[in-house]
PDB file of N, CA and C in Angstrom:
ATOM      1  N   MET A   1      99.670 110.251  86.639  1.00  0.00           N
ATOM      2  CA  MET A   1     100.566 109.385  87.329  1.00  0.00           C
ATOM      3  C   MET A   1     101.835 108.691  86.053  1.00  0.00           C
ATOM      4  N   ALA A   2     102.695 107.950  86.202  1.00  0.00           N
ATOM      5  CA  ALA A   2     103.588 108.234  85.371  1.00  0.00           C
ATOM      6  C   ALA A   2     103.437 107.019  84.382  1.00  0.00           C
ATOM      7  N   GLU A   3     103.647 106.966  83.801  1.00  0.00           N
ATOM      8  CA  GLU A   3     103.505 105.923  82.635  1.00  0.00           C
ATOM      9  C   GLU A   3     104.093 104.434  82.443  1.00  0.00           C
ATOM     10  N   GLY A   4     103.721 103.291  82.823  1.00  0.00           N
ATOM     11  CA  GLY A   4     103.877 102.100  83.886  1.00  0.00           C
ATOM     12  C   GLY A   4     104.251 101.967  84.741  1.00  0.00           C
ATOM     13  N   LYS A   5     103.320 103.150  85.923  1.00  0.00           N
ATOM     14  CA  LYS A   5     103.625 102.708  87.007  1.00  0.00           C
ATOM     15  C   LYS A   5     101.846 101.871  87.632  1.00  0.00           C
ATOM     16  N   ARG A   6     102.101 101.286  88.547  1.00  0.00           N
ATOM     17  CA  ARG A   6     100.525 100.848  88.906  1.00  0.00           C
ATOM     18  C   ARG A   6     100.387 100.963  90.282  1.00  0.00           C
ATOM     19  N   ILE A   7      99.769 100.864  91.046  1.00  0.00           N
ATOM     20  CA  ILE A   7      99.018 100.566  92.669  1.00  0.00           C
ATOM     21  C   ILE A   7      98.894  99.708  92.635  1.00  0.00           C
ATOM     22  N   ASP A   8      99.341  98.962  93.385  1.00  0.00           N
ATOM     23  CA  ASP A   8      98.957  97.617  94.518  1.00  0.00           C
ATOM     24  C   ASP A   8      98.435  97.656  95.992  1.00  0.00           C
ATOM     25  N   PHE A   9      97.492  97.301  96.273  1.00  0.00           N
ATOM     26  CA  PHE A   9      97.109  96.875  97.486  1.00  0.00           C
ATOM     27  C   PHE A   9      96.473  95.663  97.783  1.00  0.00           C
ATOM     28  N   THR A  10      96.934  94.900  98.778  1.00  0.00           N
ATOM     29  CA  THR A  10      95.712  93.854  99.493  1.00  0.00           C
ATOM     30  C   THR A  10      95.113  94.046  99.688  1.00  0.00           C
ATOM     31  N   PHE A  11      94.111  93.137  99.930  1.00  0.00           N
ATOM     32  CA  PHE A  11      92.637  93.614 100.339  1.00  0.00           C
ATOM     33  C   PHE A  11      92.962  93.452 101.969  1.00  0.00           C
ATOM     34  N   SER A  12      93.266  92.912 102.315  1.00  0.00           N
ATOM     35  CA  SER A  12      93.635  93.544 103.924  1.00  0.00           C
ATOM     36  C   SER A  12      93.669  95.238 104.104  1.00  0.00           C
ATOM     37  N   GLU A  13      94.477  95.400 103.362  1.00  0.00           N
ATOM     38  CA  GLU A  13      94.940  97.012 103.111  1.00  0.00           C
ATOM     39  C   GLU A  13      94.030  97.756 103.091  1.00  0.00           C
ATOM     40  N   LEU A  14      92.982  97.240 102.203  1.00  0.00           N
ATOM     41  CA  LEU A  14      91.559  98.310 101.575  1.00  0.00           C
ATOM     42  C   LEU A  14      91.325  98.001 102.896  1.00  0.00           C
ATOM     43  N   THR A  15      90.216  97.149 102.749  1.00  0.00           N
ATOM     44  CA  THR A  15      89.515  96.896 104.093  1.00  0.00           C
ATOM     45  C   THR A  15      89.613  97.364 105.853  1.00  0.00           C
ATOM     46  N   SER A  16      91.245  97.456 106.004  1.00  0.00           N
ATOM     47  CA  SER A  16      91.580  98.251 107.573  1.00  0.00           C
ATOM     48  C   SER A  16      91.207  99.570 107.477  1.00  0.00           C
ATOM     49  N   ASP A  17      92.142 100.279 106.317  1.00  0.00           N
ATOM     50  CA  ASP A  17      91.883 101.528 106.096  1.00  0.00           C
ATOM     51  C   ASP A  17      91.296 101.827 104.577  1.00  0.00           C
ATOM     52  N   LEU A  18      90.252 102.198 104.204  1.00  0.00           N
ATOM     53  CA  LEU A  18      89.746 102.392 103.443  1.00  0.00           C
ATOM     54  C   LEU A  18      90.120 104.033 102.443  1.00  0.00           C
ATOM     55  N   THR A  19      89.693 104.340 103.879  1.00  0.00           N
ATOM     56  CA  THR A  19      89.969 105.773 103.138  1.00  0.00           C
ATOM     57  C   THR A  19      91.867 106.507 103.545  1.00  0.00           C
ATOM     58  N   GLY A  20      92.050 105.639 104.332  1.00  0.00           N
ATOM     59  CA  GLY A  20      93.437 105.710 103.926  1.00  0.00           C
ATOM     60  C   GLY A  20      94.096 105.699 102.621  1.00  0.00           C
ATOM     61  N   SER A  21      93.501 104.378 101.911  1.00  0.00           N
ATOM     62  CA  SER A  21      94.060 103.875 101.032  1.00  0.00           C
ATOM     63  C   SER A  21      93.307 104.373  99.498  1.00  0.00           C
ATOM     64  N   ILE A  22      92.301 104.990  99.895  1.00  0.00           N
ATOM     65  CA  ILE A  22      91.601 106.337  98.410  1.00  0.00           C
ATOM     66  C   ILE A  22      92.612 107.556  98.951  1.00  0.00           C
ATOM     67  N   GLU A  23      93.309 107.716  99.813  1.00  0.00           N
ATOM     68  CA  GLU A  23      93.888 109.820 100.094  1.00  0.00           C
ATOM     69  C   GLU A  23      95.379 108.698  99.254  1.00  0.00           C
ATOM     70  N   ARG A  24      95.322 107.193  99.146  1.00  0.00           N
ATOM     71  CA  ARG A  24      97.110 107.231  98.694  1.00  0.00           C
ATOM     72  C   ARG A  24      96.885 107.178  97.215  1.00  0.00           C
ATOM     73  N   ILE A  25      95.642 106.649  96.761  1.00  0.00           N
ATOM     74  CA  ILE A  25      95.195 106.938  95.275  1.00  0.00           C
ATOM     75  C   ILE A  25      95.693 107.912  94.576  1.00  0.00           C
ATOM     76  N   TYR A  26      94.908 108.750  95.638  1.00  0.00           N
ATOM     77  CA  TYR A  26      94.732 110.232  94.907  1.00  0.00           C
ATOM     78  C   TYR A  26      96.304 110.682  94.639  1.00  0.00           C
ATOM     79  N   GLU A  27      97.454 110.263  96.074  1.00  0.00           N
ATOM     80  CA  GLU A  27      98.343 111.064  96.175  1.00  0.00           C
ATOM     81  C   GLU A  27      99.126 110.457  94.685  1.00  0.00           C
ATOM     82  N   MET A  28      99.025 109.159  94.612  1.00  0.00           N
ATOM     83  CA  MET A  28      99.878 108.977  93.387  1.00  0.00           C
ATOM     84  C   MET A  28      99.312 109.210  92.278  1.00  0.00           C
ATOM     85  N   CYS A  29      98.385 108.976  91.946  1.00  0.00           N
ATOM     86  CA  CYS A  29      97.675 109.520  90.566  1.00  0.00           C
ATOM     87  C   CYS A  29      97.586 110.933  90.480  1.00  0.00           C
ATOM     88  N   PHE A  30      97.443 111.748  91.511  1.00  0.00           N
ATOM     89  CA  PHE A  30      96.993 113.461  91.378  1.00  0.00           C
ATOM     90  C   PHE A  30      97.792 113.976  91.784  1.00  0.00           C
ATOM     91  N   ASN A  31      99.070 113.498  92.860  1.00  0.00           N
ATOM     92  CA  ASN A  31      99.548 114.161  93.402  1.00  0.00           C
ATOM     93  C   ASN A  31      98.887 115.336  93.868  1.00  0.00           C
ATOM     94  N   GLN A  32      97.625 115.032  94.882  1.00  0.00           N
ATOM     95  CA  GLN A  32      97.407 115.793  95.561  1.00  0.00           C
ATOM     96  C   GLN A  32      96.500 114.812  96.722  1.00  0.00           C
ATOM     97  N   LYS A  33      95.782 115.317  97.725  1.00  0.00           N
ATOM     98  CA  LYS A  33      95.471 115.073  98.712  1.00  0.00           C
ATOM     99  C   LYS A  33      93.872 114.834  97.821  1.00  0.00           C
ATOM    100  N   PRO A  34      92.869 114.252  98.356  1.00  0.00           N
ATOM    101  CA  PRO A  34      91.088 114.547  98.332  1.00  0.00           C
ATOM    102  C   PRO A  34      90.864 115.546  98.813  1.00  0.00           C
ATOM    103  N   SER A  35      90.021 116.541  98.227  1.00  0.00           N
ATOM    104  CA  SER A  35      89.793 117.657  98.528  1.00  0.00           C
ATOM    105  C   SER A  35      89.005 117.603 100.153  1.00  0.00           C
ATOM    106  N   LYS A  36      88.801 118.409 100.975  1.00  0.00           N
ATOM    107  CA  LYS A  36      87.651 118.310 101.933  1.00  0.00           C
ATOM    108  C   LYS A  36      86.635 117.781 101.599  1.00  0.00           C
ATOM    109  N   GLN A  37      85.795 118.469 100.604  1.00  0.00           N
ATOM    110  CA  GLN A  37      84.605 117.627 100.408  1.00  0.00           C
ATOM    111  C   GLN A  37      84.375 116.442  99.499  1.00  0.00           C
ATOM    112  N   ALA A  38      85.486 115.516  98.858  1.00  0.00           N
ATOM    113  CA  ALA A  38      85.211 114.385  98.350  1.00  0.00           C
ATOM    114  C   ALA A  38      85.662 113.332  99.646  1.00  0.00           C
ATOM    115  N   LYS A  39      86.759 114.074 100.829  1.00  0.00           N
ATOM    116  CA  LYS A  39      86.675 113.062 101.676  1.00  0.00           C
ATOM    117  C   LYS A  39      85.731 112.985 102.607  1.00  0.00           C
ATOM    118  N   GLU A  40      84.551 114.219 102.947  1.00  0.00           N
ATOM    119  CA  GLU A  40      83.596 114.045 103.421  1.00  0.00           C
ATOM    120  C   GLU A  40      82.231 113.323 102.729  1.00  0.00           C
ATOM    121  N   THR A  41      82.347 112.865 101.527  1.00  0.00           N
ATOM    122  CA  THR A  41      81.631 112.239 100.696  1.00  0.00           C
ATOM    123  C   THR A  41      81.896 111.116 100.797  1.00  0.00           C
ATOM    124  N   MET A  42      83.187 110.506 100.449  1.00  0.00           N
ATOM    125  CA  MET A  42      83.663 109.335 100.875  1.00  0.00           C
ATOM    126  C   MET A  42      83.041 108.853 101.989  1.00  0.00           C
ATOM    127  N   LEU A  43      83.460 109.836 103.360  1.00  0.00           N
ATOM    128  CA  LEU A  43      82.988 108.948 104.634  1.00  0.00           C
ATOM    129  C   LEU A  43      81.759 108.775 104.623  1.00  0.00           C
ATOM    130  N   THR A  44      80.764 109.754 103.931  1.00  0.00           N
ATOM    131  CA  THR A  44      79.664 109.439 104.103  1.00  0.00           C
ATOM    132  C   THR A  44      78.912 108.450 103.487  1.00  0.00           C
ATOM    133  N   TYR A  45      79.519 108.206 102.114  1.00  0.00           N
ATOM    134  CA  TYR A  45      79.078 106.428 101.237  1.00  0.00           C
ATOM    135  C   TYR A  45      79.352 105.407 102.105  1.00  0.00           C
ATOM    136  N   ILE A  46      80.555 105.634 102.942  1.00  0.00           N
ATOM    137  CA  ILE A  46      81.220 104.210 103.454  1.00  0.00           C
ATOM    138  C   ILE A  46      80.136 104.246 104.633  1.00  0.00           C
ATOM    139  N   LYS A  47      79.627 105.352 105.752  1.00  0.00           N
ATOM    140  CA  LYS A  47      79.183 104.812 106.413  1.00  0.00           C
ATOM    141  C   LYS A  47      77.491 104.455 105.978  1.00  0.00           C
ATOM    142  N   LYS A  48      77.242 104.990 105.130  1.00  0.00           N
ATOM    143  CA  LYS A  48      75.777 104.732 104.386  1.00  0.00           C
ATOM    144  C   LYS A  48      75.989 103.174 104.301  1.00  0.00           C
ATOM    145  N   GLN A  49      77.055 102.653 103.701  1.00  0.00           N
ATOM    146  CA  GLN A  49      77.143 101.534 102.787  1.00  0.00           C
ATOM    147  C   GLN A  49      77.261 100.558 104.407  1.00  0.00           C
ATOM    148  N   LYS A  50      77.868 100.653 105.475  1.00  0.00           N
ATOM    149  CA  LYS A  50      77.852  99.788 106.298  1.00  0.00           C
ATOM    150  C   LYS A  50      76.650  99.483 106.728  1.00  0.00           C
ATOM    151  N   HIS A  51      75.735 100.339 106.462  1.00  0.00           N
ATOM    152  CA  HIS A  51      74.049 100.466 107.220  1.00  0.00           C
ATOM    153  C   HIS A  51      73.354  99.791 106.348  1.00  0.00           C
ATOM    154  N   GLU A  52      73.697 100.058 105.134  1.00  0.00           N
ATOM    155  CA  GLU A  52      72.821  99.207 103.888  1.00  0.00           C
ATOM    156  C   GLU A  52      73.401  97.839 102.977  1.00  0.00           C
ATOM    157  N   LYS A  53      73.540  97.232 103.355  1.00  0.00           N
ATOM    158  CA  LYS A  53      73.950  95.932 103.130  1.00  0.00           C
ATOM    159  C   LYS A  53      73.119  95.568 101.568  1.00  0.00           C
ATOM    160  N   LYS A  54      73.858  95.429 100.254  1.00  0.00           N
ATOM    161  CA  LYS A  54      73.469  95.620  99.180  1.00  0.00           C
ATOM    162  C   LYS A  54      74.151  94.653  98.491  1.00  0.00           C
ATOM    163  N   GLU A  55      73.472  93.942  97.677  1.00  0.00           N
ATOM    164  CA  GLU A  55      74.229  92.940  96.927  1.00  0.00           C
ATOM    165  C   GLU A  55      75.184  93.631  96.032  1.00  0.00           C
ATOM    166  N   LYS A  56      74.692  95.030  95.094  1.00  0.00           N
ATOM    167  CA  LYS A  56      75.395  95.721  93.801  1.00  0.00           C
ATOM    168  C   LYS A  56      75.075  97.270  94.873  1.00  0.00           C
ATOM    169  N   GLN A  57      76.498  97.690  94.849  1.00  0.00           N
ATOM    170  CA  GLN A  57      76.744  99.156  95.220  1.00  0.00           C
ATOM    171  C   GLN A  57      77.532  99.858  94.144  1.00  0.00           C
ATOM    172  N   PRO A  58      76.637 100.631  93.556  1.00  0.00           N
ATOM    173  CA  PRO A  58      76.658 101.785  92.039  1.00  0.00           C
ATOM    174  C   PRO A  58      77.531 102.744  92.991  1.00  0.00           C
ATOM    175  N   ARG A  59      78.305 102.708  91.879  1.00  0.00           N
ATOM    176  CA  ARG A  59      78.996 104.358  92.297  1.00  0.00           C
ATOM    177  C   ARG A  59      79.688 105.153  91.117  1.00  0.00           C
ATOM    178  N   LEU A  60      79.431 106.279  91.290  1.00  0.00           N
ATOM    179  CA  LEU A  60      80.073 107.606  89.764  1.00  0.00           C
ATOM    180  C   LEU A  60      80.971 107.892  90.120  1.00  0.00           C
ATOM    181  N   LEU A  61      81.826 108.143  89.510  1.00  0.00           N
ATOM    182  CA  LEU A  61      82.960 109.131  89.585  1.00  0.00           C
ATOM    183  C   LEU A  61      83.021 110.231  90.357  1.00  0.00           C
ATOM    184  N   THR A  62      81.891 110.844  89.916  1.00  0.00           N
ATOM    185  CA  THR A  62      81.971 112.080  90.411  1.00  0.00           C
ATOM    186  C   THR A  62      81.269 111.777  91.860  1.00  0.00           C
ATOM    187  N   ASP A  63      81.048 110.501  92.283  1.00  0.00           N
ATOM    188  CA  ASP A  63      81.049 110.722  93.777  1.00  0.00           C
ATOM    189  C   ASP A  63      82.138 111.075  94.218  1.00  0.00           C
ATOM    190  N   PHE A  64      83.199 110.617  93.661  1.00  0.00           N
ATOM    191  CA  PHE A  64      84.856 110.569  94.543  1.00  0.00           C
ATOM    192  C   PHE A  64      85.406 112.049  93.681  1.00  0.00           C
ATOM    193  N   HIS A  65      84.755 112.619  92.724  1.00  0.00           N
ATOM    194  CA  HIS A  65      85.101 114.198  92.627  1.00  0.00           C
ATOM    195  C   HIS A  65      86.202 113.970  91.174  1.00  0.00           C
ATOM    196  N   ILE A  66      85.898 113.245  90.593  1.00  0.00           N
ATOM    197  CA  ILE A  66      86.907 112.608  89.367  1.00  0.00           C
ATOM    198  C   ILE A  66      86.203 112.244  87.876  1.00  0.00           C
ATOM    199  N   SER A  67      86.726 112.799  86.748  1.00  0.00           N
ATOM    200  CA  SER A  67      86.063 112.305  85.750  1.00  0.00           C
ATOM    201  C   SER A  67      86.593 111.452  85.066  1.00  0.00           C
ATOM    202  N   GLU A  68      86.054 110.463  84.295  1.00  0.00           N
ATOM    203  CA  GLU A  68      86.410 109.119  82.860  1.00  0.00           C
ATOM    204  C   GLU A  68      87.692 110.158  82.399  1.00  0.00           C
ATOM    205  N   LYS A  69      88.404 110.858  82.366  1.00  0.00           N
ATOM    206  CA  LYS A  69      89.783 111.497  81.694  1.00  0.00           C
ATOM    207  C   LYS A  69      90.253 111.265  82.923  1.00  0.00           C
ATOM    208  N   ASP A  70      90.352 111.230  83.733  1.00  0.00           N
ATOM    209  CA  ASP A  70      91.217 110.930  85.369  1.00  0.00           C
ATOM    210  C   ASP A  70      91.566 109.110  85.538  1.00  0.00           C
ATOM    211  N   VAL A  71      90.754 108.716  85.302  1.00  0.00           N
ATOM    212  CA  VAL A  71      91.240 106.919  85.108  1.00  0.00           C
ATOM    213  C   VAL A  71      91.139 106.637  84.029  1.00  0.00           C
ATOM    214  N   VAL A  72      91.697 106.702  83.185  1.00  0.00           N
ATOM    215  CA  VAL A  72      92.132 106.486  82.123  1.00  0.00           C
ATOM    216  C   VAL A  72      93.366 105.146  82.346  1.00  0.00           C
ATOM    217  N   PHE A  73      92.816 103.787  82.468  1.00  0.00           N
ATOM    218  CA  PHE A  73      94.367 102.707  82.739  1.00  0.00           C
ATOM    219  C   PHE A  73      94.339 101.840  81.787  1.00  0.00           C
ATOM    220  N   ASP A  74      95.122 102.289  80.641  1.00  0.00           N
ATOM    221  CA  ASP A  74      95.135 101.763  79.561  1.00  0.00           C
ATOM    222  C   ASP A  74      95.889 100.315  79.712  1.00  0.00           C
ATOM    223  N   GLU A  75      97.455 101.027  80.194  1.00  0.00           N
ATOM    224  CA  GLU A  75      97.914  99.905  80.846  1.00  0.00           C
ATOM    225  C   GLU A  75      97.080  98.421  81.297  1.00  0.00           C
ATOM    226  N   TYR A  76      96.815  99.313  82.661  1.00  0.00           N
ATOM    227  CA  TYR A  76      96.102  98.042  83.434  1.00  0.00           C
ATOM    228  C   TYR A  76      94.906  97.068  82.486  1.00  0.00           C
ATOM    229  N   ARG A  77      94.302  97.676  82.393  1.00  0.00           N
ATOM    230  CA  ARG A  77      93.502  96.950  80.897  1.00  0.00           C
ATOM    231  C   ARG A  77      94.188  95.728  80.174  1.00  0.00           C
ATOM    232  N   LYS A  78      95.437  96.217  79.201  1.00  0.00           N
ATOM    233  CA  LYS A  78      95.943  95.788  78.254  1.00  0.00           C
ATOM    234  C   LYS A  78      96.629  94.637  79.772  1.00  0.00           C
ATOM    235  N   MET A  79      97.172  94.446  80.803  1.00  0.00           N
ATOM    236  CA  MET A  79      97.161  93.661  81.391  1.00  0.00           C
ATOM    237  C   MET A  79      96.488  92.998  81.787  1.00  0.00           C
ATOM    238  N   PHE A  80      95.507  92.892  82.344  1.00  0.00           N
ATOM    239  CA  PHE A  80      94.518  92.234  82.867  1.00  0.00           C
ATOM    240  C   PHE A  80      93.306  92.045  82.378  1.00  0.00           C
ATOM    241  N   LEU A  81      92.947  92.937  81.876  1.00  0.00           N
ATOM    242  CA  LEU A  81      91.411  92.731  80.748  1.00  0.00           C
ATOM    243  C   LEU A  81      91.141  92.586  79.574  1.00  0.00           C
ATOM    244  N   SER A  82      92.642  92.347  79.256  1.00  0.00           N
ATOM    245  CA  SER A  82      92.935  91.964  77.516  1.00  0.00           C
ATOM    246  C   SER A  82      91.640  90.625  77.069  1.00  0.00           C
ATOM    247  N   SER A  83      91.765  89.615  78.196  1.00  0.00           N
ATOM    248  CA  SER A  83      90.749  88.748  78.002  1.00  0.00           C
ATOM    249  C   SER A  83      89.704  88.664  78.029  1.00  0.00           C
ATOM    250  N   PHE A  84      89.144  89.920  78.798  1.00  0.00           N
ATOM    251  CA  PHE A  84      87.730  89.865  78.761  1.00  0.00           C
ATOM    252  C   PHE A  84      86.930  90.631  77.737  1.00  0.00           C
ATOM    253  N   SER A  85      88.033  91.417  76.544  1.00  0.00           N
ATOM    254  CA  SER A  85      87.389  92.141  76.020  1.00  0.00           C
ATOM    255  C   SER A  85      86.317  91.136  74.656  1.00  0.00           C
TER     256      SER A  85
END
């Protein structure tokens, strides 16, 4: 994703179309749609989570077929998380 560019979603956008929002993130960050396998994994995970309400919902980057290298959000961290460092 281009430096200085960011993605904003309202909570209602995320909750009303979670898979569509994730697809938009893939397109904006990686210039591609999620693979069929990644999409199936997302849908399976979402379906399972609807049935298993938990306080914590652990997720791994590998669940979405991305690596830590793919999600370096230095600008975001500087902008929003610097007070938590």
